[in-house]
Amino acid sequence: MPRPHPPEFRQRAVELARLREKPVAQIAADLGISDSCLRGWMRQADVEEGRRIGLSGDERDELAELRRELRVTKMENEILKRAAAYFARENVLPK
């Protein structure tokens, strides 16, 4: 996987593409990135600026964290259910 570009590079690339002095494909080639990569950065910048509907970077990070917490909570709940069932069986059966 290629190493990520710094945010300043991405921001400047989007600014250059929005000037429309050259085609997006040419700007991407000049910067050494793929055309689809630059278009993706432009799309994400539009979302961040409120020009387009979608999840911003912060919202995406929060969603991932919430999903992780939900997965852990479900696992803990399942463990507690099994423990409760085990101890309930232990107390009912004669010794």
C-alpha atoms as a PDB file:
ATOM      1  CA  MET A   1       0.000   0.000   0.000  1.00  0.00           C
ATOM      2  CA  PRO A   2       1.456   3.397  -0.889  1.00  0.00           C
ATOM      3  CA  ARG A   3       2.264   5.702   1.960  1.00  0.00           C
ATOM      4  CA  PRO A   4      -0.331   8.403   2.603  1.00  0.00           C
ATOM      5  CA  HIS A   5       0.232  11.944   1.438  1.00  0.00           C
ATOM      6  CA  PRO A   6       0.283  14.768   3.998  1.00  0.00           C
ATOM      7  CA  PRO A   7      -2.922  16.816   4.402  1.00  0.00           C
ATOM      8  CA  GLU A   8      -1.215  19.929   3.033  1.00  0.00           C
ATOM      9  CA  PHE A   9      -0.377  18.082  -0.189  1.00  0.00           C
ATOM     10  CA  ARG A  10      -3.962  16.890  -0.542  1.00  0.00           C
ATOM     11  CA  GLN A  11      -5.362  20.355   0.116  1.00  0.00           C
ATOM     12  CA  ARG A  12      -3.056  21.982  -2.439  1.00  0.00           C
ATOM     13  CA  ALA A  13      -3.860  19.302  -5.031  1.00  0.00           C
ATOM     14  CA  VAL A  14      -7.597  19.937  -4.570  1.00  0.00           C
ATOM     15  CA  GLU A  15      -7.045  23.684  -4.893  1.00  0.00           C
ATOM     16  CA  LEU A  16      -5.130  23.189  -8.146  1.00  0.00           C
ATOM     17  CA  ALA A  17      -7.851  20.930  -9.528  1.00  0.00           C
ATOM     18  CA  ARG A  18     -10.567  23.426  -8.631  1.00  0.00           C
ATOM     19  CA  LEU A  19      -8.791  26.218 -10.531  1.00  0.00           C
ATOM     20  CA  ARG A  20      -9.537  24.213 -13.703  1.00  0.00           C
ATOM     21  CA  GLU A  21      -6.475  25.559 -15.504  1.00  0.00           C
ATOM     22  CA  LYS A  22      -5.672  21.984 -16.571  1.00  0.00           C
ATOM     23  CA  PRO A  23      -7.747  18.799 -16.727  1.00  0.00           C
ATOM     24  CA  VAL A  24      -7.907  16.829 -13.469  1.00  0.00           C
ATOM     25  CA  ALA A  25      -6.143  13.889 -15.114  1.00  0.00           C
ATOM     26  CA  GLN A  26      -3.208  16.122 -16.122  1.00  0.00           C
ATOM     27  CA  ILE A  27      -2.898  17.642 -12.644  1.00  0.00           C
ATOM     28  CA  ALA A  28      -2.945  14.173 -11.089  1.00  0.00           C
ATOM     29  CA  ALA A  29      -0.259  12.960 -13.482  1.00  0.00           C
ATOM     30  CA  ASP A  30       1.892  16.017 -12.733  1.00  0.00           C
ATOM     31  CA  LEU A  31       1.595  15.351  -8.998  1.00  0.00           C
ATOM     32  CA  GLY A  32       2.332  11.637  -9.371  1.00  0.00           C
ATOM     33  CA  ILE A  33      -1.034  10.392  -8.148  1.00  0.00           C
ATOM     34  CA  SER A  34      -3.881   8.625  -9.884  1.00  0.00           C
ATOM     35  CA  ASP A  35      -6.821  10.459 -11.391  1.00  0.00           C
ATOM     36  CA  SER A  36      -9.285   8.578  -9.176  1.00  0.00           C
ATOM     37  CA  CYS A  37      -7.259   9.455  -6.085  1.00  0.00           C
ATOM     38  CA  LEU A  38      -7.442  13.184  -6.826  1.00  0.00           C
ATOM     39  CA  ARG A  39     -11.153  12.961  -7.612  1.00  0.00           C
ATOM     40  CA  GLY A  40     -11.699  11.174  -4.304  1.00  0.00           C
ATOM     41  CA  TRP A  41      -9.852  13.924  -2.458  1.00  0.00           C
ATOM     42  CA  MET A  42     -11.995  16.509  -4.221  1.00  0.00           C
ATOM     43  CA  ARG A  43     -15.180  14.636  -3.295  1.00  0.00           C
ATOM     44  CA  GLN A  44     -14.096  14.361   0.364  1.00  0.00           C
ATOM     45  CA  ALA A  45     -13.150  18.059   0.429  1.00  0.00           C
ATOM     46  CA  ASP A  46     -16.639  18.899  -0.855  1.00  0.00           C
ATOM     47  CA  VAL A  47     -18.152  16.848   1.982  1.00  0.00           C
ATOM     48  CA  GLU A  48     -15.912  18.516   4.565  1.00  0.00           C
ATOM     49  CA  GLU A  49     -16.910  21.966   3.279  1.00  0.00           C
ATOM     50  CA  GLY A  50     -20.613  21.123   3.191  1.00  0.00           C
ATOM     51  CA  ARG A  51     -20.965  21.285  -0.590  1.00  0.00           C
ATOM     52  CA  ARG A  52     -21.937  17.621  -0.814  1.00  0.00           C
ATOM     53  CA  ILE A  53     -23.844  15.202   1.408  1.00  0.00           C
ATOM     54  CA  GLY A  54     -21.762  12.560   3.141  1.00  0.00           C
ATOM     55  CA  LEU A  55     -19.710  11.736   6.214  1.00  0.00           C
ATOM     56  CA  SER A  56     -16.885  14.064   7.150  1.00  0.00           C
ATOM     57  CA  GLY A  57     -13.628  12.639   8.434  1.00  0.00           C
ATOM     58  CA  ASP A  58     -14.578  13.314  12.057  1.00  0.00           C
ATOM     59  CA  GLU A  59     -17.981  11.690  11.593  1.00  0.00           C
ATOM     60  CA  ARG A  60     -16.367   8.674   9.940  1.00  0.00           C
ATOM     61  CA  ASP A  61     -13.923   8.301  12.853  1.00  0.00           C
ATOM     62  CA  GLU A  62     -16.743   8.632  15.388  1.00  0.00           C
ATOM     63  CA  LEU A  63     -18.830   6.028  13.548  1.00  0.00           C
ATOM     64  CA  ALA A  64     -15.925   3.564  13.546  1.00  0.00           C
ATOM     65  CA  GLU A  65     -15.374   4.112  17.277  1.00  0.00           C
ATOM     66  CA  LEU A  66     -19.072   3.631  18.056  1.00  0.00           C
ATOM     67  CA  ARG A  67     -19.197   0.431  16.018  1.00  0.00           C
ATOM     68  CA  ARG A  68     -16.138  -0.858  17.890  1.00  0.00           C
ATOM     69  CA  GLU A  69     -17.764  -0.035  21.259  1.00  0.00           C
ATOM     70  CA  LEU A  70     -20.997  -1.749  20.208  1.00  0.00           C
ATOM     71  CA  ARG A  71     -19.129  -4.908  19.189  1.00  0.00           C
ATOM     72  CA  VAL A  72     -17.315  -5.024  22.560  1.00  0.00           C
ATOM     73  CA  THR A  73     -20.537  -4.371  24.483  1.00  0.00           C
ATOM     74  CA  LYS A  74     -22.348  -7.174  22.650  1.00  0.00           C
ATOM     75  CA  MET A  75     -19.495  -9.555  23.413  1.00  0.00           C
ATOM     76  CA  GLU A  76     -19.499  -8.573  27.104  1.00  0.00           C
ATOM     77  CA  ASN A  77     -23.284  -9.003  27.238  1.00  0.00           C
ATOM     78  CA  GLU A  78     -23.005 -12.503  25.765  1.00  0.00           C
ATOM     79  CA  ILE A  79     -20.351 -13.444  28.346  1.00  0.00           C
ATOM     80  CA  LEU A  80     -22.577 -12.175  31.169  1.00  0.00           C
ATOM     81  CA  LYS A  81     -25.566 -14.152  29.840  1.00  0.00           C
ATOM     82  CA  ARG A  82     -23.518 -17.351  29.766  1.00  0.00           C
ATOM     83  CA  ALA A  83     -22.135 -16.715  33.250  1.00  0.00           C
ATOM     84  CA  ALA A  84     -25.626 -16.073  34.626  1.00  0.00           C
ATOM     85  CA  ALA A  85     -26.892 -19.301  33.046  1.00  0.00           C
ATOM     86  CA  TYR A  86     -23.942 -21.234  34.458  1.00  0.00           C
ATOM     87  CA  PHE A  87     -24.451 -19.928  38.001  1.00  0.00           C
ATOM     88  CA  ALA A  88     -28.215 -20.441  37.792  1.00  0.00           C
ATOM     89  CA  ARG A  89     -27.628 -24.107  36.888  1.00  0.00           C
ATOM     90  CA  GLU A  90     -25.069 -24.420  39.677  1.00  0.00           C
ATOM     91  CA  ASN A  91     -27.538 -23.184  42.333  1.00  0.00           C
ATOM     92  CA  VAL A  92     -30.491 -25.312  41.188  1.00  0.00           C
ATOM     93  CA  LEU A  93     -28.842 -28.720  41.033  1.00  0.00           C
ATOM     94  CA  PRO A  94     -28.455 -30.579  44.362  1.00  0.00           C
ATOM     95  CA  LYS A  95     -24.942 -31.207  45.571  1.00  0.00           C
END
